[in-house]
Amino acid sequence: MPTLTKSKQDCPTVFALNGTSEDSASYALGWTLLQSSHLLTTLLESLNCPATPDIVERTEILLQAHHKNGGYSDLELLCVGEFHLIFEAKKHWSLPGNKQLLLYASRFNPERTPLCKVITVSAASDDYAARNLPTTVNDYPLTHISWGNLASMAKRNKSVSGLSIEKLWLGQLQKHLKGYDLMTPPNDNQAYCVVLSTDELRPGYTWVDVVEKDSAYFHPVGLNGWPSSPPNYIAFRKHGKLLSVHHIDSYNVVTDLSTVNPNWPNTTVDHFVYSLGPAMVPPRAIKNGKIYASGRVWCALDTLLSGAHDTIQDARNETKRRLKDV
């Protein structure tokens, strides 16, 4: 099959021609809702909104709607006399802040639409969103839905639709949104390079043991510069040089790490917990170079494992050069 790229980026769907931003996902969802009454009905029902054929037909789908209170919404579903839903879309596991949510809530007019809701959309799971978002905003309900759930809705409705054109758009949407659910594209070959301390977490158990004995690693979700989306690969440094690189086989989000492993600390904020694949070791020693001893950097996988670079600094710089060229 021929392939299509735009600025060296693969475009497996028509929606990918508009990039991979939050706007691209919102536009794709809005367009497909227009093309598929099945999907619109399913989405409204999942949000506990009335979804009779008459209501579905009267529903307005608004993209980038501007309001006098300021700002633009990603997507809105409006049926006068019934409901007004405002969607705020985010990439990765990010969630909107209270200021933004309050701004959306100020736009509702219950006299015009008795059912008003704010809907957050991101890759975050329902459990993670429930721990980090309020249940209401100015007394209006707030609901979270993941890109993965929306992709699943598209898949289910594609199987029941009898219209070829509807099936086509539902398939395009499912494929496009799956990329948002995966957080990091599966073909992304950058490794997140971190430092392993030899400090003890418990007597006789160090950070190195987390990796080498338990084949695991953990870090806060999106705090203090840590990723808000799991990478595909993670690399570890110890004593000023590269130790190993691992594929992240799976991950989970955990609030109290000690519930996963009694050797791990008691925590009260959400952490990504990674299950690591086998260690990949560089063919020769690769020292830090001129980077902060505790710094965290991104490096293309081959720059760490091919032996072409003497330091992690060089590997990082080469990775930046490639990305700049793209």
C-alpha atoms as a PDB file:
ATOM      1  CA  MET A   1       0.000   0.000   0.000  1.00  0.00           C
ATOM      2  CA  PRO A   2       1.257   3.540  -0.696  1.00  0.00           C
ATOM      3  CA  THR A   3       1.926   5.762   2.289  1.00  0.00           C
ATOM      4  CA  LEU A   4       1.284   9.460   2.904  1.00  0.00           C
ATOM      5  CA  THR A   5       3.389  11.822   4.983  1.00  0.00           C
ATOM      6  CA  LYS A   6       3.091  15.510   5.805  1.00  0.00           C
ATOM      7  CA  SER A   7       6.287  17.269   6.913  1.00  0.00           C
ATOM      8  CA  LYS A   8       7.829  13.816   7.432  1.00  0.00           C
ATOM      9  CA  GLN A   9       4.980  12.747   9.734  1.00  0.00           C
ATOM     10  CA  ASP A  10       2.828   9.747   8.818  1.00  0.00           C
ATOM     11  CA  CYS A  11      -0.796  10.505   7.926  1.00  0.00           C
ATOM     12  CA  PRO A  12      -2.660   7.212   8.303  1.00  0.00           C
ATOM     13  CA  THR A  13      -6.048   9.018   8.366  1.00  0.00           C
ATOM     14  CA  VAL A  14      -7.504  12.114   6.759  1.00  0.00           C
ATOM     15  CA  PHE A  15      -7.739  13.671  10.228  1.00  0.00           C
ATOM     16  CA  ALA A  16      -3.971  13.349  10.683  1.00  0.00           C
ATOM     17  CA  LEU A  17      -3.527  15.916   7.895  1.00  0.00           C
ATOM     18  CA  ASN A  18      -4.441  18.445  10.580  1.00  0.00           C
ATOM     19  CA  GLY A  19      -1.696  17.219  12.906  1.00  0.00           C
ATOM     20  CA  THR A  20      -1.953  15.567  16.306  1.00  0.00           C
ATOM     21  CA  SER A  21      -2.960  18.500  18.524  1.00  0.00           C
ATOM     22  CA  GLU A  22      -6.011  18.712  20.773  1.00  0.00           C
ATOM     23  CA  ASP A  23      -7.693  20.726  18.023  1.00  0.00           C
ATOM     24  CA  SER A  24      -7.126  17.951  15.502  1.00  0.00           C
ATOM     25  CA  ALA A  25      -8.813  15.423  17.790  1.00  0.00           C
ATOM     26  CA  SER A  26     -11.707  17.787  18.547  1.00  0.00           C
ATOM     27  CA  TYR A  27     -12.256  18.553  14.856  1.00  0.00           C
ATOM     28  CA  ALA A  28     -12.183  14.845  14.034  1.00  0.00           C
ATOM     29  CA  LEU A  29     -14.731  14.075  16.730  1.00  0.00           C
ATOM     30  CA  GLY A  30     -16.999  16.957  15.707  1.00  0.00           C
ATOM     31  CA  TRP A  31     -16.945  15.997  12.027  1.00  0.00           C
ATOM     32  CA  THR A  32     -17.666  12.333  12.756  1.00  0.00           C
ATOM     33  CA  LEU A  33     -20.519  13.219  15.106  1.00  0.00           C
ATOM     34  CA  LEU A  34     -22.030  15.116  12.172  1.00  0.00           C
ATOM     35  CA  GLN A  35     -21.630  12.079   9.904  1.00  0.00           C
ATOM     36  CA  SER A  36     -22.808   9.450  12.405  1.00  0.00           C
ATOM     37  CA  SER A  37     -26.082   9.742  14.273  1.00  0.00           C
ATOM     38  CA  HIS A  38     -25.197   6.412  15.878  1.00  0.00           C
ATOM     39  CA  LEU A  39     -22.073   7.876  17.479  1.00  0.00           C
ATOM     40  CA  LEU A  40     -23.830  11.079  18.534  1.00  0.00           C
ATOM     41  CA  THR A  41     -26.609   9.057  20.166  1.00  0.00           C
ATOM     42  CA  THR A  42     -24.117   6.823  21.980  1.00  0.00           C
ATOM     43  CA  LEU A  43     -22.093   9.787  23.239  1.00  0.00           C
ATOM     44  CA  LEU A  44     -25.176  11.635  24.516  1.00  0.00           C
ATOM     45  CA  GLU A  45     -26.466   8.511  26.259  1.00  0.00           C
ATOM     46  CA  SER A  46     -23.065   7.929  27.894  1.00  0.00           C
ATOM     47  CA  LEU A  47     -23.303  11.456  29.335  1.00  0.00           C
ATOM     48  CA  ASN A  48     -26.866  10.827  30.606  1.00  0.00           C
ATOM     49  CA  CYS A  49     -28.413  13.232  28.105  1.00  0.00           C
ATOM     50  CA  PRO A  50     -31.677  12.688  26.222  1.00  0.00           C
ATOM     51  CA  ALA A  51     -30.961  11.226  22.790  1.00  0.00           C
ATOM     52  CA  THR A  52     -34.236  10.652  20.945  1.00  0.00           C
ATOM     53  CA  PRO A  53     -34.036  10.858  17.130  1.00  0.00           C
ATOM     54  CA  ASP A  54     -35.660  14.312  17.235  1.00  0.00           C
ATOM     55  CA  ILE A  55     -33.136  15.608  19.796  1.00  0.00           C
ATOM     56  CA  VAL A  56     -30.195  14.145  17.892  1.00  0.00           C
ATOM     57  CA  GLU A  57     -31.415  15.830  14.718  1.00  0.00           C
ATOM     58  CA  ARG A  58     -31.700  19.208  16.493  1.00  0.00           C
ATOM     59  CA  THR A  59     -28.290  19.025  18.169  1.00  0.00           C
ATOM     60  CA  GLU A  60     -25.783  21.677  17.129  1.00  0.00           C
ATOM     61  CA  ILE A  61     -22.122  20.673  16.983  1.00  0.00           C
ATOM     62  CA  LEU A  62     -19.888  23.682  17.657  1.00  0.00           C
ATOM     63  CA  LEU A  63     -16.116  23.753  17.152  1.00  0.00           C
ATOM     64  CA  GLN A  64     -13.937  26.581  18.483  1.00  0.00           C
ATOM     65  CA  ALA A  65     -17.003  28.560  19.565  1.00  0.00           C
ATOM     66  CA  HIS A  66     -16.143  31.981  20.965  1.00  0.00           C
ATOM     67  CA  HIS A  67     -18.008  33.328  23.986  1.00  0.00           C
ATOM     68  CA  LYS A  68     -18.261  36.882  25.252  1.00  0.00           C
ATOM     69  CA  ASN A  69     -16.804  35.706  28.574  1.00  0.00           C
ATOM     70  CA  GLY A  70     -13.571  35.031  26.709  1.00  0.00           C
ATOM     71  CA  GLY A  71     -11.783  32.163  25.068  1.00  0.00           C
ATOM     72  CA  TYR A  72     -12.759  29.402  22.677  1.00  0.00           C
ATOM     73  CA  SER A  73     -14.203  26.011  23.513  1.00  0.00           C
ATOM     74  CA  ASP A  74     -12.848  22.870  21.840  1.00  0.00           C
ATOM     75  CA  LEU A  75     -16.246  21.322  21.183  1.00  0.00           C
ATOM     76  CA  GLU A  76     -19.819  21.972  22.266  1.00  0.00           C
ATOM     77  CA  LEU A  77     -23.033  20.019  21.832  1.00  0.00           C
ATOM     78  CA  LEU A  78     -26.117  22.200  22.136  1.00  0.00           C
ATOM     79  CA  CYS A  79     -29.807  21.385  21.883  1.00  0.00           C
ATOM     80  CA  VAL A  80     -32.006  24.303  22.904  1.00  0.00           C
ATOM     81  CA  GLY A  81     -34.478  23.270  25.573  1.00  0.00           C
ATOM     82  CA  GLU A  82     -32.482  20.132  26.382  1.00  0.00           C
ATOM     83  CA  PHE A  83     -28.730  20.312  27.048  1.00  0.00           C
ATOM     84  CA  HIS A  84     -25.512  22.263  26.635  1.00  0.00           C
ATOM     85  CA  LEU A  85     -22.259  20.288  26.843  1.00  0.00           C
ATOM     86  CA  ILE A  86     -18.847  21.994  26.711  1.00  0.00           C
ATOM     87  CA  PHE A  87     -15.832  19.752  26.013  1.00  0.00           C
ATOM     88  CA  GLU A  88     -12.279  20.640  27.014  1.00  0.00           C
ATOM     89  CA  ALA A  89      -9.732  18.439  25.234  1.00  0.00           C
ATOM     90  CA  LYS A  90      -6.170  17.740  26.373  1.00  0.00           C
ATOM     91  CA  LYS A  91      -3.337  15.572  25.101  1.00  0.00           C
ATOM     92  CA  HIS A  92      -1.622  12.945  27.237  1.00  0.00           C
ATOM     93  CA  TRP A  93      -2.832  12.598  30.834  1.00  0.00           C
ATOM     94  CA  SER A  94      -3.225  16.350  31.264  1.00  0.00           C
ATOM     95  CA  LEU A  95      -6.337  17.786  32.878  1.00  0.00           C
ATOM     96  CA  PRO A  96      -7.626  21.385  32.795  1.00  0.00           C
ATOM     97  CA  GLY A  97      -7.249  23.707  35.768  1.00  0.00           C
ATOM     98  CA  ASN A  98     -10.064  25.154  37.844  1.00  0.00           C
ATOM     99  CA  LYS A  99      -9.753  28.601  36.237  1.00  0.00           C
ATOM    100  CA  GLN A 100     -10.504  27.195  32.814  1.00  0.00           C
ATOM    101  CA  LEU A 101     -13.349  25.032  34.084  1.00  0.00           C
ATOM    102  CA  LEU A 102     -14.954  27.990  35.870  1.00  0.00           C
ATOM    103  CA  LEU A 103     -14.758  30.021  32.681  1.00  0.00           C
ATOM    104  CA  TYR A 104     -16.706  27.341  30.822  1.00  0.00           C
ATOM    105  CA  ALA A 105     -19.301  27.042  33.565  1.00  0.00           C
ATOM    106  CA  SER A 106     -19.976  30.780  33.382  1.00  0.00           C
ATOM    107  CA  ARG A 107     -21.247  30.337  29.813  1.00  0.00           C
ATOM    108  CA  PHE A 108     -24.224  28.162  30.722  1.00  0.00           C
ATOM    109  CA  ASN A 109     -27.809  29.453  30.652  1.00  0.00           C
ATOM    110  CA  PRO A 110     -30.044  26.959  32.507  1.00  0.00           C
ATOM    111  CA  GLU A 111     -33.174  28.778  31.376  1.00  0.00           C
ATOM    112  CA  ARG A 112     -32.250  27.962  27.785  1.00  0.00           C
ATOM    113  CA  THR A 113     -30.786  24.514  28.372  1.00  0.00           C
ATOM    114  CA  PRO A 114     -31.799  22.875  31.677  1.00  0.00           C
ATOM    115  CA  LEU A 115     -29.040  20.246  31.502  1.00  0.00           C
ATOM    116  CA  CYS A 116     -25.553  21.794  31.473  1.00  0.00           C
ATOM    117  CA  LYS A 117     -22.279  19.859  31.809  1.00  0.00           C
ATOM    118  CA  VAL A 118     -18.551  20.353  31.422  1.00  0.00           C
ATOM    119  CA  ILE A 119     -16.790  17.378  29.808  1.00  0.00           C
ATOM    120  CA  THR A 120     -13.026  16.882  30.079  1.00  0.00           C
ATOM    121  CA  VAL A 121     -11.299  14.692  27.503  1.00  0.00           C
ATOM    122  CA  SER A 122      -7.743  13.348  27.676  1.00  0.00           C
ATOM    123  CA  ALA A 123      -5.838  10.076  27.772  1.00  0.00           C
ATOM    124  CA  ALA A 124      -6.276   9.985  31.566  1.00  0.00           C
ATOM    125  CA  SER A 125      -8.233   7.082  33.000  1.00  0.00           C
ATOM    126  CA  ASP A 126     -11.534   7.598  34.784  1.00  0.00           C
ATOM    127  CA  ASP A 127      -9.937   6.753  38.135  1.00  0.00           C
ATOM    128  CA  TYR A 128      -7.119   9.255  37.656  1.00  0.00           C
ATOM    129  CA  ALA A 129      -9.560  11.987  36.591  1.00  0.00           C
ATOM    130  CA  ALA A 130     -11.841  11.234  39.541  1.00  0.00           C
ATOM    131  CA  ARG A 131      -8.933  11.776  41.937  1.00  0.00           C
ATOM    132  CA  ASN A 132      -7.830  15.017  40.322  1.00  0.00           C
ATOM    133  CA  LEU A 133     -10.969  16.770  39.138  1.00  0.00           C
ATOM    134  CA  PRO A 134     -13.990  18.149  41.011  1.00  0.00           C
ATOM    135  CA  THR A 135     -17.356  16.512  40.472  1.00  0.00           C
ATOM    136  CA  THR A 136     -19.023  19.868  39.845  1.00  0.00           C
ATOM    137  CA  VAL A 137     -18.044  23.313  38.575  1.00  0.00           C
ATOM    138  CA  ASN A 138     -20.239  26.125  39.943  1.00  0.00           C
ATOM    139  CA  ASP A 139     -22.789  23.387  40.753  1.00  0.00           C
ATOM    140  CA  TYR A 140     -22.782  22.113  37.159  1.00  0.00           C
ATOM    141  CA  PRO A 141     -21.799  18.450  36.733  1.00  0.00           C
ATOM    142  CA  LEU A 142     -18.337  17.657  35.439  1.00  0.00           C
ATOM    143  CA  THR A 143     -17.668  14.387  33.621  1.00  0.00           C
ATOM    144  CA  HIS A 144     -14.456  12.929  32.241  1.00  0.00           C
ATOM    145  CA  ILE A 145     -14.152  10.736  29.175  1.00  0.00           C
ATOM    146  CA  SER A 146     -10.935   9.331  27.716  1.00  0.00           C
ATOM    147  CA  TRP A 147      -9.830   9.320  24.099  1.00  0.00           C
ATOM    148  CA  GLY A 148      -9.724   5.549  24.408  1.00  0.00           C
ATOM    149  CA  ASN A 149     -13.398   5.418  25.386  1.00  0.00           C
ATOM    150  CA  LEU A 150     -14.318   7.605  22.426  1.00  0.00           C
ATOM    151  CA  ALA A 151     -12.300   5.371  20.093  1.00  0.00           C
ATOM    152  CA  SER A 152     -14.164   2.360  21.502  1.00  0.00           C
ATOM    153  CA  MET A 153     -17.500   4.091  20.868  1.00  0.00           C
ATOM    154  CA  ALA A 154     -16.479   4.658  17.259  1.00  0.00           C
ATOM    155  CA  LYS A 155     -15.509   1.002  16.887  1.00  0.00           C
ATOM    156  CA  ARG A 156     -18.796  -0.276  18.362  1.00  0.00           C
ATOM    157  CA  ASN A 157     -20.932   1.983  16.192  1.00  0.00           C
ATOM    158  CA  LYS A 158     -18.977   1.086  13.075  1.00  0.00           C
ATOM    159  CA  SER A 159     -20.006  -2.536  13.637  1.00  0.00           C
ATOM    160  CA  VAL A 160     -23.732  -1.689  13.781  1.00  0.00           C
ATOM    161  CA  SER A 161     -23.929   0.956  11.075  1.00  0.00           C
ATOM    162  CA  GLY A 162     -25.397  -0.058   7.739  1.00  0.00           C
ATOM    163  CA  LEU A 163     -24.060   2.947   5.833  1.00  0.00           C
ATOM    164  CA  SER A 164     -20.714   2.671   4.067  1.00  0.00           C
ATOM    165  CA  ILE A 165     -19.907   6.377   4.411  1.00  0.00           C
ATOM    166  CA  GLU A 166     -20.707   6.310   8.144  1.00  0.00           C
ATOM    167  CA  LYS A 167     -18.527   3.236   8.610  1.00  0.00           C
ATOM    168  CA  LEU A 168     -15.690   4.985   6.793  1.00  0.00           C
ATOM    169  CA  TRP A 169     -15.720   8.055   9.035  1.00  0.00           C
ATOM    170  CA  LEU A 170     -16.108   5.994  12.197  1.00  0.00           C
ATOM    171  CA  GLY A 171     -13.088   3.903  11.177  1.00  0.00           C
ATOM    172  CA  GLN A 172     -11.049   7.029  10.472  1.00  0.00           C
ATOM    173  CA  LEU A 173     -11.978   8.494  13.861  1.00  0.00           C
ATOM    174  CA  GLN A 174     -11.200   5.275  15.722  1.00  0.00           C
ATOM    175  CA  LYS A 175      -7.751   5.082  14.153  1.00  0.00           C
ATOM    176  CA  HIS A 176      -7.011   8.776  14.753  1.00  0.00           C
ATOM    177  CA  LEU A 177      -8.088   8.780  18.405  1.00  0.00           C
ATOM    178  CA  LYS A 178      -6.187   5.590  19.155  1.00  0.00           C
ATOM    179  CA  GLY A 179      -3.022   7.616  18.743  1.00  0.00           C
ATOM    180  CA  TYR A 180      -4.168   9.917  21.550  1.00  0.00           C
ATOM    181  CA  ASP A 181      -5.033   6.980  23.782  1.00  0.00           C
ATOM    182  CA  LEU A 182      -1.563   5.495  23.320  1.00  0.00           C
ATOM    183  CA  MET A 183      -0.080   8.793  24.594  1.00  0.00           C
ATOM    184  CA  THR A 184       3.313   8.269  23.012  1.00  0.00           C
ATOM    185  CA  PRO A 185       3.184   6.940  19.415  1.00  0.00           C
ATOM    186  CA  PRO A 186       4.354   3.310  19.381  1.00  0.00           C
ATOM    187  CA  ASN A 187       6.985   4.132  16.744  1.00  0.00           C
ATOM    188  CA  ASP A 188       8.561   6.905  18.839  1.00  0.00           C
ATOM    189  CA  ASN A 189      12.119   5.768  19.561  1.00  0.00           C
ATOM    190  CA  GLN A 190      13.148   8.354  22.154  1.00  0.00           C
ATOM    191  CA  ALA A 191      14.275   7.155  25.566  1.00  0.00           C
ATOM    192  CA  TYR A 192      13.759   9.232  28.694  1.00  0.00           C
ATOM    193  CA  CYS A 193      17.135   9.210  30.446  1.00  0.00           C
ATOM    194  CA  VAL A 194      17.088   9.476  34.261  1.00  0.00           C
ATOM    195  CA  VAL A 195      19.568   9.044  37.099  1.00  0.00           C
ATOM    196  CA  LEU A 196      19.444   6.076  39.460  1.00  0.00           C
ATOM    197  CA  SER A 197      20.508   6.912  42.972  1.00  0.00           C
ATOM    198  CA  THR A 198      22.235   4.366  45.167  1.00  0.00           C
ATOM    199  CA  ASP A 199      20.338   5.766  48.183  1.00  0.00           C
ATOM    200  CA  GLU A 200      18.226   3.298  50.129  1.00  0.00           C
ATOM    201  CA  LEU A 201      14.438   3.405  49.969  1.00  0.00           C
ATOM    202  CA  ARG A 202      14.317   0.792  52.720  1.00  0.00           C
ATOM    203  CA  PRO A 203      17.229  -0.818  54.586  1.00  0.00           C
ATOM    204  CA  GLY A 204      19.087  -2.952  52.069  1.00  0.00           C
ATOM    205  CA  TYR A 205      16.904  -1.819  49.133  1.00  0.00           C
ATOM    206  CA  THR A 206      18.013   0.965  46.754  1.00  0.00           C
ATOM    207  CA  TRP A 207      16.712   2.754  43.673  1.00  0.00           C
ATOM    208  CA  VAL A 208      18.965   0.479  41.627  1.00  0.00           C
ATOM    209  CA  ASP A 209      17.119  -2.526  43.082  1.00  0.00           C
ATOM    210  CA  VAL A 210      13.804  -1.116  41.835  1.00  0.00           C
ATOM    211  CA  VAL A 211      15.133  -1.501  38.299  1.00  0.00           C
ATOM    212  CA  GLU A 212      17.465  -4.489  38.519  1.00  0.00           C
ATOM    213  CA  LYS A 213      15.566  -6.680  41.007  1.00  0.00           C
ATOM    214  CA  ASP A 214      11.947  -5.702  40.384  1.00  0.00           C
ATOM    215  CA  SER A 215      12.163  -4.695  36.691  1.00  0.00           C
ATOM    216  CA  ALA A 216      10.177  -1.580  37.509  1.00  0.00           C
ATOM    217  CA  TYR A 217      10.418   2.179  37.849  1.00  0.00           C
ATOM    218  CA  PHE A 218       8.095   4.931  39.019  1.00  0.00           C
ATOM    219  CA  HIS A 219       7.813   8.713  38.969  1.00  0.00           C
ATOM    220  CA  PRO A 220       5.152  11.387  39.595  1.00  0.00           C
ATOM    221  CA  VAL A 221       2.646  12.079  36.823  1.00  0.00           C
ATOM    222  CA  GLY A 222       3.546  15.407  35.243  1.00  0.00           C
ATOM    223  CA  LEU A 223       4.997  17.057  38.353  1.00  0.00           C
ATOM    224  CA  ASN A 224       8.281  19.002  38.481  1.00  0.00           C
ATOM    225  CA  GLY A 225       9.135  18.314  34.873  1.00  0.00           C
ATOM    226  CA  TRP A 226       8.330  14.591  34.916  1.00  0.00           C
ATOM    227  CA  PRO A 227       6.429  13.329  31.829  1.00  0.00           C
ATOM    228  CA  SER A 228       2.651  13.496  31.782  1.00  0.00           C
ATOM    229  CA  SER A 229       2.652  10.646  29.282  1.00  0.00           C
ATOM    230  CA  PRO A 230       4.621   7.382  29.541  1.00  0.00           C
ATOM    231  CA  PRO A 231       7.517   7.095  27.082  1.00  0.00           C
ATOM    232  CA  ASN A 232       8.176   3.934  25.117  1.00  0.00           C
ATOM    233  CA  TYR A 233      11.725   3.608  26.439  1.00  0.00           C
ATOM    234  CA  ILE A 234      13.541   4.649  29.584  1.00  0.00           C
ATOM    235  CA  ALA A 235      17.308   4.827  30.133  1.00  0.00           C
ATOM    236  CA  PHE A 236      19.140   4.801  33.452  1.00  0.00           C
ATOM    237  CA  ARG A 237      22.392   6.452  34.456  1.00  0.00           C
ATOM    238  CA  LYS A 238      24.501   5.567  37.479  1.00  0.00           C
ATOM    239  CA  HIS A 239      27.837   6.940  38.688  1.00  0.00           C
ATOM    240  CA  GLY A 240      28.039   9.356  35.761  1.00  0.00           C
ATOM    241  CA  LYS A 241      27.505   6.915  32.890  1.00  0.00           C
ATOM    242  CA  LEU A 242      24.773   5.020  31.067  1.00  0.00           C
ATOM    243  CA  LEU A 243      23.686   1.822  32.808  1.00  0.00           C
ATOM    244  CA  SER A 244      20.935   0.359  30.627  1.00  0.00           C
ATOM    245  CA  VAL A 245      17.943   1.104  28.398  1.00  0.00           C
ATOM    246  CA  HIS A 246      14.569  -0.645  28.746  1.00  0.00           C
ATOM    247  CA  HIS A 247      11.338  -0.827  26.804  1.00  0.00           C
ATOM    248  CA  ILE A 248       8.334   0.074  28.978  1.00  0.00           C
ATOM    249  CA  ASP A 249       6.166  -3.010  28.540  1.00  0.00           C
ATOM    250  CA  SER A 250       3.204  -1.704  30.553  1.00  0.00           C
ATOM    251  CA  TYR A 251       2.284   0.914  33.106  1.00  0.00           C
ATOM    252  CA  ASN A 252      -0.247   1.769  35.774  1.00  0.00           C
ATOM    253  CA  VAL A 253      -1.149   4.868  37.767  1.00  0.00           C
ATOM    254  CA  VAL A 254      -0.845   4.468  41.534  1.00  0.00           C
ATOM    255  CA  THR A 255      -1.339   6.971  44.348  1.00  0.00           C
ATOM    256  CA  ASP A 256       0.338   5.076  47.203  1.00  0.00           C
ATOM    257  CA  LEU A 257       3.384   3.234  45.871  1.00  0.00           C
ATOM    258  CA  SER A 258       3.710   1.121  49.019  1.00  0.00           C
ATOM    259  CA  THR A 259       0.526  -0.736  48.040  1.00  0.00           C
ATOM    260  CA  VAL A 260       2.369  -2.100  44.989  1.00  0.00           C
ATOM    261  CA  ASN A 261       5.628  -2.986  46.712  1.00  0.00           C
ATOM    262  CA  PRO A 262       6.294  -2.696  50.474  1.00  0.00           C
ATOM    263  CA  ASN A 263       9.846  -1.582  49.692  1.00  0.00           C
ATOM    264  CA  TRP A 264       8.554   1.471  47.873  1.00  0.00           C
ATOM    265  CA  PRO A 265       7.712   4.741  49.682  1.00  0.00           C
ATOM    266  CA  ASN A 266       4.315   5.830  50.958  1.00  0.00           C
ATOM    267  CA  THR A 267       3.055   8.496  48.571  1.00  0.00           C
ATOM    268  CA  THR A 268      -0.061  10.641  48.286  1.00  0.00           C
ATOM    269  CA  VAL A 269       0.229  11.862  44.680  1.00  0.00           C
ATOM    270  CA  ASP A 270      -0.310   9.894  41.477  1.00  0.00           C
ATOM    271  CA  HIS A 271       2.697   8.065  40.038  1.00  0.00           C
ATOM    272  CA  PHE A 272       3.293   6.191  36.815  1.00  0.00           C
ATOM    273  CA  VAL A 273       4.536   2.691  37.650  1.00  0.00           C
ATOM    274  CA  TYR A 274       6.374   1.040  34.754  1.00  0.00           C
ATOM    275  CA  SER A 275       6.957  -2.633  34.090  1.00  0.00           C
ATOM    276  CA  LEU A 276      10.312  -2.814  32.301  1.00  0.00           C
ATOM    277  CA  GLY A 277      11.478  -5.084  29.506  1.00  0.00           C
ATOM    278  CA  PRO A 278      14.945  -6.665  29.438  1.00  0.00           C
ATOM    279  CA  ALA A 279      17.969  -4.409  29.809  1.00  0.00           C
ATOM    280  CA  MET A 280      19.706  -3.204  26.649  1.00  0.00           C
ATOM    281  CA  VAL A 281      23.316  -2.360  27.440  1.00  0.00           C
ATOM    282  CA  PRO A 282      25.496  -0.029  25.318  1.00  0.00           C
ATOM    283  CA  PRO A 283      28.500  -1.662  23.603  1.00  0.00           C
ATOM    284  CA  ARG A 284      30.900   0.664  25.445  1.00  0.00           C
ATOM    285  CA  ALA A 285      30.855   3.114  28.299  1.00  0.00           C
ATOM    286  CA  ILE A 286      28.888   6.329  27.644  1.00  0.00           C
ATOM    287  CA  LYS A 287      29.573   9.038  30.211  1.00  0.00           C
ATOM    288  CA  ASN A 288      27.323  11.947  31.105  1.00  0.00           C
ATOM    289  CA  GLY A 289      29.283  14.713  29.426  1.00  0.00           C
ATOM    290  CA  LYS A 290      28.352  18.284  30.274  1.00  0.00           C
ATOM    291  CA  ILE A 291      24.838  17.774  31.573  1.00  0.00           C
ATOM    292  CA  TYR A 292      23.533  18.186  35.095  1.00  0.00           C
ATOM    293  CA  ALA A 293      24.424  15.184  37.199  1.00  0.00           C
ATOM    294  CA  SER A 294      20.760  14.744  38.131  1.00  0.00           C
ATOM    295  CA  GLY A 295      19.339  16.056  34.845  1.00  0.00           C
ATOM    296  CA  ARG A 296      16.682  14.194  32.879  1.00  0.00           C
ATOM    297  CA  VAL A 297      17.058  14.253  29.083  1.00  0.00           C
ATOM    298  CA  TRP A 298      15.540  12.707  25.960  1.00  0.00           C
ATOM    299  CA  CYS A 299      17.742  10.694  23.596  1.00  0.00           C
ATOM    300  CA  ALA A 300      16.954   8.732  20.451  1.00  0.00           C
ATOM    301  CA  LEU A 301      17.408   5.033  21.108  1.00  0.00           C
ATOM    302  CA  ASP A 302      20.189   4.516  18.565  1.00  0.00           C
ATOM    303  CA  THR A 303      22.223   7.448  19.939  1.00  0.00           C
ATOM    304  CA  LEU A 304      22.531   5.536  23.219  1.00  0.00           C
ATOM    305  CA  LEU A 305      23.010   2.005  21.932  1.00  0.00           C
ATOM    306  CA  SER A 306      24.872   2.245  18.612  1.00  0.00           C
ATOM    307  CA  GLY A 307      28.217   3.298  20.090  1.00  0.00           C
ATOM    308  CA  ALA A 308      28.316   6.323  17.769  1.00  0.00           C
ATOM    309  CA  HIS A 309      28.381   8.853  20.614  1.00  0.00           C
ATOM    310  CA  ASP A 310      30.850   9.244  23.456  1.00  0.00           C
ATOM    311  CA  THR A 311      28.537  10.975  25.935  1.00  0.00           C
ATOM    312  CA  ILE A 312      24.875  11.299  26.809  1.00  0.00           C
ATOM    313  CA  GLN A 313      25.301  15.004  26.130  1.00  0.00           C
ATOM    314  CA  ASP A 314      26.253  14.170  22.526  1.00  0.00           C
ATOM    315  CA  ALA A 315      23.323  11.758  22.242  1.00  0.00           C
ATOM    316  CA  ARG A 316      20.928  14.423  23.528  1.00  0.00           C
ATOM    317  CA  ASN A 317      22.315  17.051  21.149  1.00  0.00           C
ATOM    318  CA  GLU A 318      22.027  14.739  18.150  1.00  0.00           C
ATOM    319  CA  THR A 319      18.427  13.974  19.107  1.00  0.00           C
ATOM    320  CA  LYS A 320      17.637  17.691  19.319  1.00  0.00           C
ATOM    321  CA  ARG A 321      19.277  18.270  15.925  1.00  0.00           C
ATOM    322  CA  ARG A 322      17.114  15.603  14.294  1.00  0.00           C
ATOM    323  CA  LEU A 323      13.939  16.992  15.804  1.00  0.00           C
ATOM    324  CA  LYS A 324      14.858  20.495  14.694  1.00  0.00           C
ATOM    325  CA  ASP A 325      15.331  19.239  11.142  1.00  0.00           C
ATOM    326  CA  VAL A 326      11.897  17.633  11.225  1.00  0.00           C
END
